[in-house]
Amino acid sequence: MHDQFDVTLEDGDLLGEVELTTTLIIAASESDDHLSQEEIDRLLGVTPRKPQD
């Protein structure tokens, strides 16, 4: 008999967000000072936008 509540829950976007959050938590806990915006952007893989003409 099939159990309707026996499902695998996996959300790729959520897993990615958890990984990024974990990365920030670890970096912050290892830092003696606040993380700069540039450091946070680097950890998250944020790249600056090119100016539009």
PDB file of N, CA and C in Angstrom:
ATOM      1  N   MET A   1       0.832  -1.171   0.000  1.00  0.00           N
ATOM      2  CA  MET A   1       0.000   0.000   0.000  1.00  0.00           C
ATOM      3  C   MET A   1       0.887   1.248   0.000  1.00  0.00           C
ATOM      4  N   HIS A   2       0.546   2.225  -0.826  1.00  0.00           N
ATOM      5  CA  HIS A   2       1.323   3.465  -0.953  1.00  0.00           C
ATOM      6  C   HIS A   2       0.994   4.404   0.197  1.00  0.00           C
ATOM      7  N   ASP A   3       2.038   4.916   0.855  1.00  0.00           N
ATOM      8  CA  ASP A   3       1.865   5.879   1.943  1.00  0.00           C
ATOM      9  C   ASP A   3       2.038   7.277   1.366  1.00  0.00           C
ATOM     10  N   GLN A   4       0.970   8.065   1.356  1.00  0.00           N
ATOM     11  CA  GLN A   4       1.020   9.402   0.770  1.00  0.00           C
ATOM     12  C   GLN A   4       1.945  10.360   1.515  1.00  0.00           C
ATOM     13  N   PHE A   5       2.309  10.021   2.740  1.00  0.00           N
ATOM     14  CA  PHE A   5       3.201  10.867   3.515  1.00  0.00           C
ATOM     15  C   PHE A   5       4.665  10.438   3.433  1.00  0.00           C
ATOM     16  N   ASP A   6       4.926   9.378   2.710  1.00  0.00           N
ATOM     17  CA  ASP A   6       6.294   8.893   2.532  1.00  0.00           C
ATOM     18  C   ASP A   6       6.856   9.509   1.257  1.00  0.00           C
ATOM     19  N   VAL A   7       7.366  10.739   1.392  1.00  0.00           N
ATOM     20  CA  VAL A   7       7.897  11.463   0.236  1.00  0.00           C
ATOM     21  C   VAL A   7       9.289  11.978   0.564  1.00  0.00           C
ATOM     22  N   THR A   8      10.088  12.120  -0.453  1.00  0.00           N
ATOM     23  CA  THR A   8      11.407  12.705  -0.301  1.00  0.00           C
ATOM     24  C   THR A   8      11.273  14.195  -0.567  1.00  0.00           C
ATOM     25  N   LEU A   9      11.701  14.988   0.396  1.00  0.00           N
ATOM     26  CA  LEU A   9      11.644  16.431   0.224  1.00  0.00           C
ATOM     27  C   LEU A   9      13.034  16.937  -0.113  1.00  0.00           C
ATOM     28  N   GLU A  10      13.159  17.487  -1.292  1.00  0.00           N
ATOM     29  CA  GLU A  10      14.430  18.067  -1.704  1.00  0.00           C
ATOM     30  C   GLU A  10      14.139  19.296  -2.533  1.00  0.00           C
ATOM     31  N   ASP A  11      14.724  20.371  -2.146  1.00  0.00           N
ATOM     32  CA  ASP A  11      14.535  21.642  -2.824  1.00  0.00           C
ATOM     33  C   ASP A  11      15.919  22.192  -3.119  1.00  0.00           C
ATOM     34  N   GLY A  12      16.315  22.150  -4.370  1.00  0.00           N
ATOM     35  CA  GLY A  12      17.651  22.588  -4.771  1.00  0.00           C
ATOM     36  C   GLY A  12      17.940  24.023  -4.407  1.00  0.00           C
ATOM     37  N   ASP A  13      16.952  24.908  -4.586  1.00  0.00           N
ATOM     38  CA  ASP A  13      17.149  26.317  -4.240  1.00  0.00           C
ATOM     39  C   ASP A  13      17.372  26.481  -2.740  1.00  0.00           C
ATOM     40  N   LEU A  14      16.584  25.772  -1.948  1.00  0.00           N
ATOM     41  CA  LEU A  14      16.740  25.855  -0.498  1.00  0.00           C
ATOM     42  C   LEU A  14      18.102  25.332  -0.064  1.00  0.00           C
ATOM     43  N   LEU A  15      18.544  24.227  -0.653  1.00  0.00           N
ATOM     44  CA  LEU A  15      19.857  23.683  -0.311  1.00  0.00           C
ATOM     45  C   LEU A  15      20.966  24.681  -0.649  1.00  0.00           C
ATOM     46  N   GLY A  16      20.827  25.373  -1.761  1.00  0.00           N
ATOM     47  CA  GLY A  16      21.807  26.391  -2.138  1.00  0.00           C
ATOM     48  C   GLY A  16      21.834  27.538  -1.151  1.00  0.00           C
ATOM     49  N   GLU A  17      20.646  27.965  -0.699  1.00  0.00           N
ATOM     50  CA  GLU A  17      20.577  29.045   0.278  1.00  0.00           C
ATOM     51  C   GLU A  17      21.193  28.629   1.608  1.00  0.00           C
ATOM     52  N   VAL A  18      20.955  27.396   2.011  1.00  0.00           N
ATOM     53  CA  VAL A  18      21.531  26.888   3.255  1.00  0.00           C
ATOM     54  C   VAL A  18      23.054  26.855   3.148  1.00  0.00           C
ATOM     55  N   GLU A  19      23.565  26.456   1.999  1.00  0.00           N
ATOM     56  CA  GLU A  19      25.018  26.416   1.801  1.00  0.00           C
ATOM     57  C   GLU A  19      25.629  27.817   1.885  1.00  0.00           C
ATOM     58  N   LEU A  20      24.978  28.795   1.248  1.00  0.00           N
ATOM     59  CA  LEU A  20      25.486  30.171   1.298  1.00  0.00           C
ATOM     60  C   LEU A  20      25.435  30.721   2.720  1.00  0.00           C
ATOM     61  N   THR A  21      24.340  30.455   3.421  1.00  0.00           N
ATOM     62  CA  THR A  21      24.206  30.922   4.798  1.00  0.00           C
ATOM     63  C   THR A  21      25.275  30.293   5.689  1.00  0.00           C
ATOM     64  N   THR A  22      25.501  29.003   5.492  1.00  0.00           N
ATOM     65  CA  THR A  22      26.524  28.303   6.269  1.00  0.00           C
ATOM     66  C   THR A  22      27.905  28.901   5.997  1.00  0.00           C
ATOM     67  N   THR A  23      28.185  29.203   4.752  1.00  0.00           N
ATOM     68  CA  THR A  23      29.459  29.816   4.385  1.00  0.00           C
ATOM     69  C   THR A  23      29.642  31.146   5.110  1.00  0.00           C
ATOM     70  N   LEU A  24      28.586  31.962   5.144  1.00  0.00           N
ATOM     71  CA  LEU A  24      28.671  33.248   5.836  1.00  0.00           C
ATOM     72  C   LEU A  24      28.855  33.074   7.340  1.00  0.00           C
ATOM     73  N   ILE A  25      28.144  32.128   7.923  1.00  0.00           N
ATOM     74  CA  ILE A  25      28.253  31.892   9.364  1.00  0.00           C
ATOM     75  C   ILE A  25      29.675  31.473   9.727  1.00  0.00           C
ATOM     76  N   ILE A  26      30.238  30.571   8.955  1.00  0.00           N
ATOM     77  CA  ILE A  26      31.596  30.100   9.225  1.00  0.00           C
ATOM     78  C   ILE A  26      32.597  31.242   9.076  1.00  0.00           C
ATOM     79  N   ALA A  27      32.471  32.012   8.004  1.00  0.00           N
ATOM     80  CA  ALA A  27      33.404  33.125   7.783  1.00  0.00           C
ATOM     81  C   ALA A  27      33.286  34.154   8.902  1.00  0.00           C
ATOM     82  N   ALA A  28      32.065  34.456   9.319  1.00  0.00           N
ATOM     83  CA  ALA A  28      31.870  35.432  10.382  1.00  0.00           C
ATOM     84  C   ALA A  28      32.427  34.928  11.706  1.00  0.00           C
ATOM     85  N   SER A  29      32.263  33.652  11.968  1.00  0.00           N
ATOM     86  CA  SER A  29      32.750  33.107  13.238  1.00  0.00           C
ATOM     87  C   SER A  29      34.277  33.030  13.285  1.00  0.00           C
ATOM     88  N   GLU A  30      34.915  32.963  12.118  1.00  0.00           N
ATOM     89  CA  GLU A  30      36.374  32.892  12.063  1.00  0.00           C
ATOM     90  C   GLU A  30      37.029  34.268  11.977  1.00  0.00           C
ATOM     91  N   SER A  31      36.216  35.293  11.783  1.00  0.00           N
ATOM     92  CA  SER A  31      36.749  36.647  11.627  1.00  0.00           C
ATOM     93  C   SER A  31      36.807  37.355  12.982  1.00  0.00           C
ATOM     94  N   ASP A  32      37.844  38.152  13.171  1.00  0.00           N
ATOM     95  CA  ASP A  32      37.976  38.938  14.397  1.00  0.00           C
ATOM     96  C   ASP A  32      37.176  40.238  14.325  1.00  0.00           C
ATOM     97  N   ASP A  33      36.745  40.606  13.131  1.00  0.00           N
ATOM     98  CA  ASP A  33      36.030  41.859  12.926  1.00  0.00           C
ATOM     99  C   ASP A  33      34.799  41.584  12.074  1.00  0.00           C
ATOM    100  N   HIS A  34      34.001  42.602  11.841  1.00  0.00           N
ATOM    101  CA  HIS A  34      32.855  42.462  10.958  1.00  0.00           C
ATOM    102  C   HIS A  34      33.331  42.170   9.545  1.00  0.00           C
ATOM    103  N   LEU A  35      32.549  41.406   8.807  1.00  0.00           N
ATOM    104  CA  LEU A  35      32.858  41.172   7.402  1.00  0.00           C
ATOM    105  C   LEU A  35      32.476  42.413   6.607  1.00  0.00           C
ATOM    106  N   SER A  36      33.347  42.818   5.716  1.00  0.00           N
ATOM    107  CA  SER A  36      33.027  43.966   4.863  1.00  0.00           C
ATOM    108  C   SER A  36      32.042  43.515   3.785  1.00  0.00           C
ATOM    109  N   GLN A  37      31.395  44.489   3.183  1.00  0.00           N
ATOM    110  CA  GLN A  37      30.455  44.164   2.105  1.00  0.00           C
ATOM    111  C   GLN A  37      31.178  43.447   0.968  1.00  0.00           C
ATOM    112  N   GLU A  38      32.418  43.841   0.702  1.00  0.00           N
ATOM    113  CA  GLU A  38      33.198  43.195  -0.355  1.00  0.00           C
ATOM    114  C   GLU A  38      33.477  41.726  -0.017  1.00  0.00           C
ATOM    115  N   GLU A  39      33.785  41.460   1.256  1.00  0.00           N
ATOM    116  CA  GLU A  39      34.029  40.072   1.677  1.00  0.00           C
ATOM    117  C   GLU A  39      32.752  39.231   1.560  1.00  0.00           C
ATOM    118  N   ILE A  40      31.644  39.816   1.966  1.00  0.00           N
ATOM    119  CA  ILE A  40      30.367  39.104   1.873  1.00  0.00           C
ATOM    120  C   ILE A  40      30.037  38.813   0.415  1.00  0.00           C
ATOM    121  N   ASP A  41      30.192  39.814  -0.434  1.00  0.00           N
ATOM    122  CA  ASP A  41      29.927  39.626  -1.865  1.00  0.00           C
ATOM    123  C   ASP A  41      30.806  38.519  -2.450  1.00  0.00           C
ATOM    124  N   ARG A  42      32.089  38.513  -2.061  1.00  0.00           N
ATOM    125  CA  ARG A  42      33.004  37.481  -2.564  1.00  0.00           C
ATOM    126  C   ARG A  42      32.557  36.097  -2.116  1.00  0.00           C
ATOM    127  N   LEU A  43      32.187  35.970  -0.844  1.00  0.00           N
ATOM    128  CA  LEU A  43      31.749  34.679  -0.315  1.00  0.00           C
ATOM    129  C   LEU A  43      30.475  34.181  -1.002  1.00  0.00           C
ATOM    130  N   LEU A  44      29.599  35.119  -1.346  1.00  0.00           N
ATOM    131  CA  LEU A  44      28.332  34.750  -1.984  1.00  0.00           C
ATOM    132  C   LEU A  44      28.454  34.622  -3.504  1.00  0.00           C
ATOM    133  N   GLY A  45      29.614  34.996  -4.033  1.00  0.00           N
ATOM    134  CA  GLY A  45      29.801  34.902  -5.479  1.00  0.00           C
ATOM    135  C   GLY A  45      29.132  36.026  -6.249  1.00  0.00           C
ATOM    136  N   VAL A  46      28.919  37.153  -5.564  1.00  0.00           N
ATOM    137  CA  VAL A  46      28.288  38.306  -6.209  1.00  0.00           C
ATOM    138  C   VAL A  46      29.341  39.030  -7.030  1.00  0.00           C
ATOM    139  N   THR A  47      28.992  39.346  -8.264  1.00  0.00           N
ATOM    140  CA  THR A  47      29.907  40.100  -9.104  1.00  0.00           C
ATOM    141  C   THR A  47      29.270  41.447  -9.416  1.00  0.00           C
ATOM    142  N   PRO A  48      30.068  42.497  -9.446  1.00  0.00           N
ATOM    143  CA  PRO A  48      29.507  43.819  -9.721  1.00  0.00           C
ATOM    144  C   PRO A  48      28.931  43.887 -11.129  1.00  0.00           C
ATOM    145  N   ARG A  49      27.865  44.634 -11.261  1.00  0.00           N
ATOM    146  CA  ARG A  49      27.267  44.833 -12.584  1.00  0.00           C
ATOM    147  C   ARG A  49      28.123  45.812 -13.370  1.00  0.00           C
ATOM    148  N   LYS A  50      28.190  45.557 -14.664  1.00  0.00           N
ATOM    149  CA  LYS A  50      28.892  46.491 -15.537  1.00  0.00           C
ATOM    150  C   LYS A  50      27.983  47.681 -15.783  1.00  0.00           C
ATOM    151  N   PRO A  51      28.560  48.883 -15.814  1.00  0.00           N
ATOM    152  CA  PRO A  51      27.726  50.075 -16.066  1.00  0.00           C
ATOM    153  C   PRO A  51      27.045  49.969 -17.421  1.00  0.00           C
ATOM    154  N   GLN A  52      25.782  50.359 -17.435  1.00  0.00           N
ATOM    155  CA  GLN A  52      25.045  50.355 -18.707  1.00  0.00           C
ATOM    156  C   GLN A  52      25.264  51.673 -19.426  1.00  0.00           C
ATOM    157  N   ASP A  53      25.361  51.580 -20.743  1.00  0.00           N
ATOM    158  CA  ASP A  53      25.559  52.796 -21.549  1.00  0.00           C
ATOM    159  C   ASP A  53      24.277  53.565 -21.667  1.00  0.00           C
TER     160      ASP A  53
END
